[in-house]
């Protein structure tokens, strides 16, 4: 699946986009394998130290909203599919 990072999430991830094989999403943090929660745990655990001045990705992920195929998803138990696109949207300031 494709994971796209925006704003502070891109800075913390060190890239605006990453391809994550569905098979790599093992059960983690109480979430079943292949779910949004497993993806969030995988991304936070697999990240190298952030660039100077960038927040740790795990911290950004904990505060972010997620779109799966352009639909807002709050339920981290939602199963994912190999062709999904997941957008990571950190909190934005302003209005």
Foldseek 3Di string as FASTA:
>chain_A
DKEAEDDLLCQQQVHRIDQDAQVVQPDPPNEHRQFQLSVLVCSQVPGDGGDPPRDHNNVQQVQWWKDKQNHTDDDRNHGDDNPIYIYTGGDDDDD
